[in-house]
Amino acid sequence: MANGGGYVWALAAGFNAALAAISAKFFATLLLKYGMVIAFNVTMWGCYVNSLKALSSLQATVTNFAANFISSGLAGYFLFEEPLPSKWFAGASLIILGVFVLSKSSIEEKPNTD
């Protein structure tokens, strides 16, 4: 699996984590609320595990976090009419920059001692 596929999985994991939080606030019936939270979290973990097959744990975790942060912020703005101050955009830009830097960094491979 190419690194690009790993980033797609990590982004999907972050997006599903945001959907889990959104569903906890959005749905009225308790059974549907918990069912959606569990479904999105199971999907998120599946996507995250797949991202770990192609990326380092640091790259997968940071990309997952960034996708979750940005998705949650935008969902709050569009679905719940929460304000997004300029500091939020500055922070989101720095997070995206950090993900880009980590994606371009070289990860040393451990020598096989077997």
N, C-alpha and C. Protein backbone atom coordinates (compact mmCIF):
# COMPACT_ATOMS: atom_id res chain seq x y z
N MET A 1 0.86 -1.18 0.00
CA MET A 1 0.00 0.00 0.00
C MET A 1 0.90 1.23 0.00
N ALA A 2 0.59 2.14 -0.86
CA ALA A 2 1.38 3.37 -0.94
C ALA A 2 1.03 4.29 0.23
N ASN A 3 1.95 5.23 0.50
CA ASN A 3 1.70 6.19 1.59
C ASN A 3 0.43 6.99 1.37
N GLY A 4 0.12 7.31 0.11
CA GLY A 4 -1.09 8.08 -0.17
C GLY A 4 -2.33 7.37 0.35
N GLY A 5 -2.37 6.05 0.19
CA GLY A 5 -3.49 5.28 0.72
C GLY A 5 -3.55 5.34 2.23
N GLY A 6 -2.39 5.38 2.87
CA GLY A 6 -2.36 5.49 4.32
C GLY A 6 -2.94 6.79 4.81
N TYR A 7 -2.65 7.87 4.07
CA TYR A 7 -3.21 9.17 4.44
C TYR A 7 -4.72 9.22 4.22
N VAL A 8 -5.19 8.55 3.19
CA VAL A 8 -6.64 8.49 2.96
C VAL A 8 -7.31 7.78 4.13
N TRP A 9 -6.72 6.67 4.58
CA TRP A 9 -7.28 5.94 5.73
C TRP A 9 -7.24 6.80 6.99
N ALA A 10 -6.15 7.52 7.21
CA ALA A 10 -6.03 8.36 8.40
C ALA A 10 -7.05 9.50 8.37
N LEU A 11 -7.24 10.11 7.19
CA LEU A 11 -8.25 11.17 7.05
C LEU A 11 -9.65 10.62 7.29
N ALA A 12 -9.92 9.42 6.76
CA ALA A 12 -11.23 8.79 6.99
C ALA A 12 -11.45 8.49 8.47
N ALA A 13 -10.39 8.08 9.16
CA ALA A 13 -10.50 7.81 10.60
C ALA A 13 -10.86 9.09 11.35
N GLY A 14 -10.18 10.19 11.03
CA GLY A 14 -10.49 11.46 11.69
C GLY A 14 -11.90 11.95 11.40
N PHE A 15 -12.33 11.77 10.16
CA PHE A 15 -13.68 12.19 9.79
C PHE A 15 -14.73 11.35 10.53
N ASN A 16 -14.50 10.05 10.65
CA ASN A 16 -15.44 9.19 11.38
C ASN A 16 -15.46 9.51 12.87
N ALA A 17 -14.33 9.90 13.43
CA ALA A 17 -14.31 10.31 14.83
C ALA A 17 -15.16 11.56 15.03
N ALA A 18 -15.07 12.49 14.08
CA ALA A 18 -15.89 13.70 14.16
C ALA A 18 -17.37 13.35 14.01
N LEU A 19 -17.68 12.42 13.11
CA LEU A 19 -19.08 12.01 12.94
C LEU A 19 -19.63 11.35 14.21
N ALA A 20 -18.79 10.64 14.94
CA ALA A 20 -19.23 10.04 16.20
C ALA A 20 -19.62 11.14 17.19
N ALA A 21 -18.80 12.18 17.28
CA ALA A 21 -19.13 13.28 18.20
C ALA A 21 -20.37 14.03 17.75
N ILE A 22 -20.50 14.22 16.45
CA ILE A 22 -21.68 14.92 15.92
C ILE A 22 -22.94 14.12 16.19
N SER A 23 -22.89 12.81 15.97
CA SER A 23 -24.08 11.99 16.18
C SER A 23 -24.49 11.96 17.65
N ALA A 24 -23.53 12.13 18.56
CA ALA A 24 -23.87 12.17 19.98
C ALA A 24 -24.66 13.43 20.33
N LYS A 25 -24.50 14.48 19.53
CA LYS A 25 -25.21 15.73 19.80
C LYS A 25 -26.45 15.90 18.93
N PHE A 26 -26.48 15.20 17.81
CA PHE A 26 -27.50 15.48 16.81
C PHE A 26 -28.79 14.68 16.99
N PHE A 27 -28.69 13.43 17.34
CA PHE A 27 -29.85 12.55 17.35
C PHE A 27 -30.55 12.59 18.70
N ALA A 28 -31.88 12.51 18.65
CA ALA A 28 -32.68 12.66 19.86
C ALA A 28 -32.85 11.33 20.61
N THR A 29 -33.14 10.26 19.88
CA THR A 29 -33.40 9.00 20.56
C THR A 29 -32.09 8.39 21.06
N LEU A 30 -32.14 7.91 22.28
CA LEU A 30 -30.95 7.40 22.94
C LEU A 30 -30.36 6.19 22.21
N LEU A 31 -31.21 5.27 21.77
CA LEU A 31 -30.73 4.08 21.09
C LEU A 31 -30.02 4.43 19.78
N LEU A 32 -30.60 5.34 19.01
CA LEU A 32 -29.97 5.77 17.77
C LEU A 32 -28.67 6.51 18.03
N LYS A 33 -28.68 7.35 19.05
CA LYS A 33 -27.48 8.12 19.41
C LYS A 33 -26.32 7.20 19.74
N TYR A 34 -26.53 6.25 20.65
CA TYR A 34 -25.46 5.34 21.04
C TYR A 34 -25.07 4.40 19.89
N GLY A 35 -26.06 3.97 19.13
CA GLY A 35 -25.77 3.10 17.98
C GLY A 35 -24.88 3.79 16.97
N MET A 36 -25.16 5.06 16.67
CA MET A 36 -24.35 5.80 15.70
C MET A 36 -22.95 6.07 16.25
N VAL A 37 -22.85 6.41 17.53
CA VAL A 37 -21.53 6.65 18.13
C VAL A 37 -20.68 5.38 18.05
N ILE A 38 -21.26 4.24 18.39
CA ILE A 38 -20.52 2.98 18.33
C ILE A 38 -20.13 2.66 16.90
N ALA A 39 -21.07 2.81 15.96
CA ALA A 39 -20.78 2.49 14.56
C ALA A 39 -19.65 3.36 14.00
N PHE A 40 -19.71 4.66 14.26
CA PHE A 40 -18.67 5.55 13.75
C PHE A 40 -17.32 5.29 14.42
N ASN A 41 -17.33 4.96 15.71
CA ASN A 41 -16.07 4.67 16.39
C ASN A 41 -15.45 3.36 15.91
N VAL A 42 -16.27 2.35 15.65
CA VAL A 42 -15.74 1.09 15.10
C VAL A 42 -15.15 1.34 13.72
N THR A 43 -15.85 2.11 12.90
CA THR A 43 -15.35 2.45 11.57
C THR A 43 -14.06 3.26 11.67
N MET A 44 -14.02 4.20 12.62
CA MET A 44 -12.82 5.01 12.82
C MET A 44 -11.62 4.13 13.17
N TRP A 45 -11.80 3.19 14.08
CA TRP A 45 -10.68 2.32 14.46
C TRP A 45 -10.23 1.44 13.30
N GLY A 46 -11.18 0.96 12.50
CA GLY A 46 -10.81 0.17 11.33
C GLY A 46 -9.98 0.99 10.35
N CYS A 47 -10.40 2.21 10.10
CA CYS A 47 -9.65 3.10 9.21
C CYS A 47 -8.28 3.42 9.79
N TYR A 48 -8.22 3.66 11.09
CA TYR A 48 -6.95 4.00 11.73
C TYR A 48 -5.97 2.83 11.65
N VAL A 49 -6.44 1.62 11.90
CA VAL A 49 -5.57 0.44 11.82
C VAL A 49 -5.04 0.29 10.39
N ASN A 50 -5.89 0.50 9.40
CA ASN A 50 -5.43 0.43 8.01
C ASN A 50 -4.40 1.50 7.70
N SER A 51 -4.56 2.69 8.29
CA SER A 51 -3.57 3.75 8.05
C SER A 51 -2.22 3.38 8.65
N LEU A 52 -2.23 2.63 9.75
CA LEU A 52 -0.98 2.23 10.39
C LEU A 52 -0.20 1.22 9.55
N LYS A 53 -0.86 0.57 8.61
CA LYS A 53 -0.17 -0.39 7.74
C LYS A 53 0.74 0.31 6.74
N ALA A 54 0.45 1.58 6.43
CA ALA A 54 1.22 2.30 5.43
C ALA A 54 2.03 3.46 6.00
N LEU A 55 1.66 3.94 7.17
CA LEU A 55 2.31 5.12 7.75
C LEU A 55 2.94 4.77 9.09
N SER A 56 3.82 5.64 9.55
CA SER A 56 4.32 5.49 10.91
C SER A 56 3.19 5.84 11.87
N SER A 57 3.30 5.40 13.09
CA SER A 57 2.24 5.70 14.07
C SER A 57 2.11 7.21 14.28
N LEU A 58 3.22 7.93 14.23
CA LEU A 58 3.17 9.39 14.39
C LEU A 58 2.41 10.04 13.24
N GLN A 59 2.73 9.66 12.00
CA GLN A 59 2.06 10.25 10.84
C GLN A 59 0.56 9.92 10.86
N ALA A 60 0.21 8.68 11.17
CA ALA A 60 -1.20 8.28 11.19
C ALA A 60 -1.96 9.01 12.29
N THR A 61 -1.36 9.13 13.47
CA THR A 61 -2.04 9.77 14.59
C THR A 61 -2.24 11.25 14.35
N VAL A 62 -1.21 11.93 13.88
CA VAL A 62 -1.31 13.37 13.65
C VAL A 62 -2.30 13.68 12.53
N THR A 63 -2.30 12.89 11.47
CA THR A 63 -3.24 13.10 10.38
C THR A 63 -4.67 12.85 10.85
N ASN A 64 -4.87 11.79 11.63
CA ASN A 64 -6.18 11.48 12.20
C ASN A 64 -6.66 12.65 13.07
N PHE A 65 -5.78 13.13 13.95
CA PHE A 65 -6.13 14.24 14.83
C PHE A 65 -6.50 15.49 14.03
N ALA A 66 -5.72 15.80 13.02
CA ALA A 66 -5.98 17.00 12.21
C ALA A 66 -7.33 16.91 11.51
N ALA A 67 -7.61 15.76 10.93
CA ALA A 67 -8.89 15.58 10.24
C ALA A 67 -10.05 15.69 11.21
N ASN A 68 -9.89 15.11 12.40
CA ASN A 68 -10.94 15.18 13.42
C ASN A 68 -11.15 16.63 13.88
N PHE A 69 -10.06 17.33 14.14
CA PHE A 69 -10.14 18.72 14.61
C PHE A 69 -10.84 19.62 13.58
N ILE A 70 -10.41 19.52 12.35
CA ILE A 70 -10.96 20.39 11.31
C ILE A 70 -12.41 20.01 11.00
N SER A 71 -12.69 18.71 10.91
CA SER A 71 -14.07 18.27 10.65
C SER A 71 -15.01 18.69 11.77
N SER A 72 -14.56 18.53 13.01
CA SER A 72 -15.40 18.91 14.15
C SER A 72 -15.65 20.41 14.19
N GLY A 73 -14.61 21.20 13.91
CA GLY A 73 -14.78 22.66 13.89
C GLY A 73 -15.73 23.12 12.81
N LEU A 74 -15.58 22.57 11.62
CA LEU A 74 -16.46 22.96 10.51
C LEU A 74 -17.90 22.47 10.74
N ALA A 75 -18.04 21.28 11.32
CA ALA A 75 -19.38 20.79 11.63
C ALA A 75 -20.04 21.67 12.69
N GLY A 76 -19.27 22.10 13.68
CA GLY A 76 -19.83 23.00 14.69
C GLY A 76 -20.30 24.31 14.07
N TYR A 77 -19.55 24.80 13.12
CA TYR A 77 -19.92 26.05 12.45
C TYR A 77 -21.17 25.88 11.60
N PHE A 78 -21.20 24.84 10.76
CA PHE A 78 -22.30 24.67 9.82
C PHE A 78 -23.55 24.05 10.44
N LEU A 79 -23.39 23.12 11.37
CA LEU A 79 -24.55 22.43 11.93
C LEU A 79 -25.09 23.06 13.20
N PHE A 80 -24.20 23.62 14.02
CA PHE A 80 -24.60 24.12 15.33
C PHE A 80 -24.42 25.63 15.47
N GLU A 81 -24.03 26.28 14.38
CA GLU A 81 -23.86 27.73 14.32
C GLU A 81 -22.90 28.26 15.39
N GLU A 82 -21.84 27.51 15.65
CA GLU A 82 -20.80 27.96 16.58
C GLU A 82 -19.85 28.91 15.84
N PRO A 83 -19.36 29.92 16.51
CA PRO A 83 -18.43 30.84 15.84
C PRO A 83 -17.05 30.19 15.66
N LEU A 84 -16.38 30.58 14.59
CA LEU A 84 -15.00 30.15 14.35
C LEU A 84 -14.13 31.40 14.31
N PRO A 85 -13.49 31.72 15.44
CA PRO A 85 -12.65 32.92 15.48
C PRO A 85 -11.39 32.74 14.64
N SER A 86 -10.71 33.84 14.40
CA SER A 86 -9.49 33.80 13.59
C SER A 86 -8.42 32.92 14.24
N LYS A 87 -8.41 32.82 15.56
CA LYS A 87 -7.44 31.95 16.23
C LYS A 87 -7.66 30.49 15.85
N TRP A 88 -8.91 30.10 15.64
CA TRP A 88 -9.19 28.73 15.22
C TRP A 88 -8.56 28.48 13.85
N PHE A 89 -8.73 29.42 12.93
CA PHE A 89 -8.15 29.25 11.59
C PHE A 89 -6.63 29.26 11.64
N ALA A 90 -6.05 30.05 12.51
CA ALA A 90 -4.59 30.06 12.67
C ALA A 90 -4.13 28.70 13.19
N GLY A 91 -4.81 28.18 14.18
CA GLY A 91 -4.46 26.87 14.72
C GLY A 91 -4.64 25.76 13.71
N ALA A 92 -5.74 25.81 12.97
CA ALA A 92 -5.99 24.79 11.94
C ALA A 92 -4.91 24.85 10.85
N SER A 93 -4.49 26.04 10.49
CA SER A 93 -3.43 26.19 9.48
C SER A 93 -2.11 25.61 9.98
N LEU A 94 -1.80 25.84 11.24
CA LEU A 94 -0.57 25.27 11.81
C LEU A 94 -0.64 23.74 11.89
N ILE A 95 -1.80 23.22 12.19
CA ILE A 95 -1.96 21.77 12.24
C ILE A 95 -1.76 21.18 10.85
N ILE A 96 -2.35 21.80 9.84
CA ILE A 96 -2.20 21.32 8.47
C ILE A 96 -0.73 21.41 8.04
N LEU A 97 -0.07 22.48 8.40
CA LEU A 97 1.35 22.63 8.09
C LEU A 97 2.16 21.53 8.78
N GLY A 98 1.85 21.24 10.02
CA GLY A 98 2.54 20.18 10.74
C GLY A 98 2.34 18.82 10.11
N VAL A 99 1.12 18.54 9.66
CA VAL A 99 0.85 17.27 8.97
C VAL A 99 1.67 17.19 7.68
N PHE A 100 1.74 18.31 6.96
CA PHE A 100 2.52 18.34 5.72
C PHE A 100 4.01 18.09 6.01
N VAL A 101 4.53 18.72 7.04
CA VAL A 101 5.95 18.54 7.39
C VAL A 101 6.20 17.08 7.78
N LEU A 102 5.31 16.50 8.58
CA LEU A 102 5.49 15.10 8.97
C LEU A 102 5.37 14.15 7.78
N SER A 103 4.50 14.49 6.83
CA SER A 103 4.34 13.60 5.68
C SER A 103 5.59 13.61 4.80
N LYS A 104 6.35 14.69 4.83
CA LYS A 104 7.57 14.79 4.02
C LYS A 104 8.81 14.33 4.77
N SER A 105 8.69 14.12 6.07
CA SER A 105 9.86 13.73 6.85
C SER A 105 10.22 12.28 6.56
N SER A 106 11.48 11.98 6.70
CA SER A 106 11.92 10.61 6.49
C SER A 106 11.90 9.88 7.83
N ILE A 107 11.39 8.70 7.80
CA ILE A 107 11.31 7.88 9.00
C ILE A 107 12.40 6.81 8.87
N GLU A 108 13.26 6.74 9.87
CA GLU A 108 14.32 5.74 9.84
C GLU A 108 13.72 4.37 10.08
N GLU A 109 14.15 3.42 9.27
CA GLU A 109 13.69 2.05 9.45
C GLU A 109 14.62 1.35 10.42
N LYS A 110 14.03 0.56 11.31
CA LYS A 110 14.81 -0.18 12.29
C LYS A 110 15.45 -1.38 11.60
N PRO A 111 16.71 -1.65 11.89
CA PRO A 111 17.33 -2.82 11.29
C PRO A 111 16.73 -4.09 11.88
N ASN A 112 16.59 -5.10 11.04
CA ASN A 112 16.04 -6.38 11.49
C ASN A 112 17.12 -7.13 12.25
N THR A 113 16.82 -7.49 13.48
CA THR A 113 17.81 -8.17 14.31
C THR A 113 17.59 -9.68 14.37
N ASP A 114 16.66 -10.19 13.57
CA ASP A 114 16.38 -11.64 13.58
C ASP A 114 17.43 -12.42 12.86
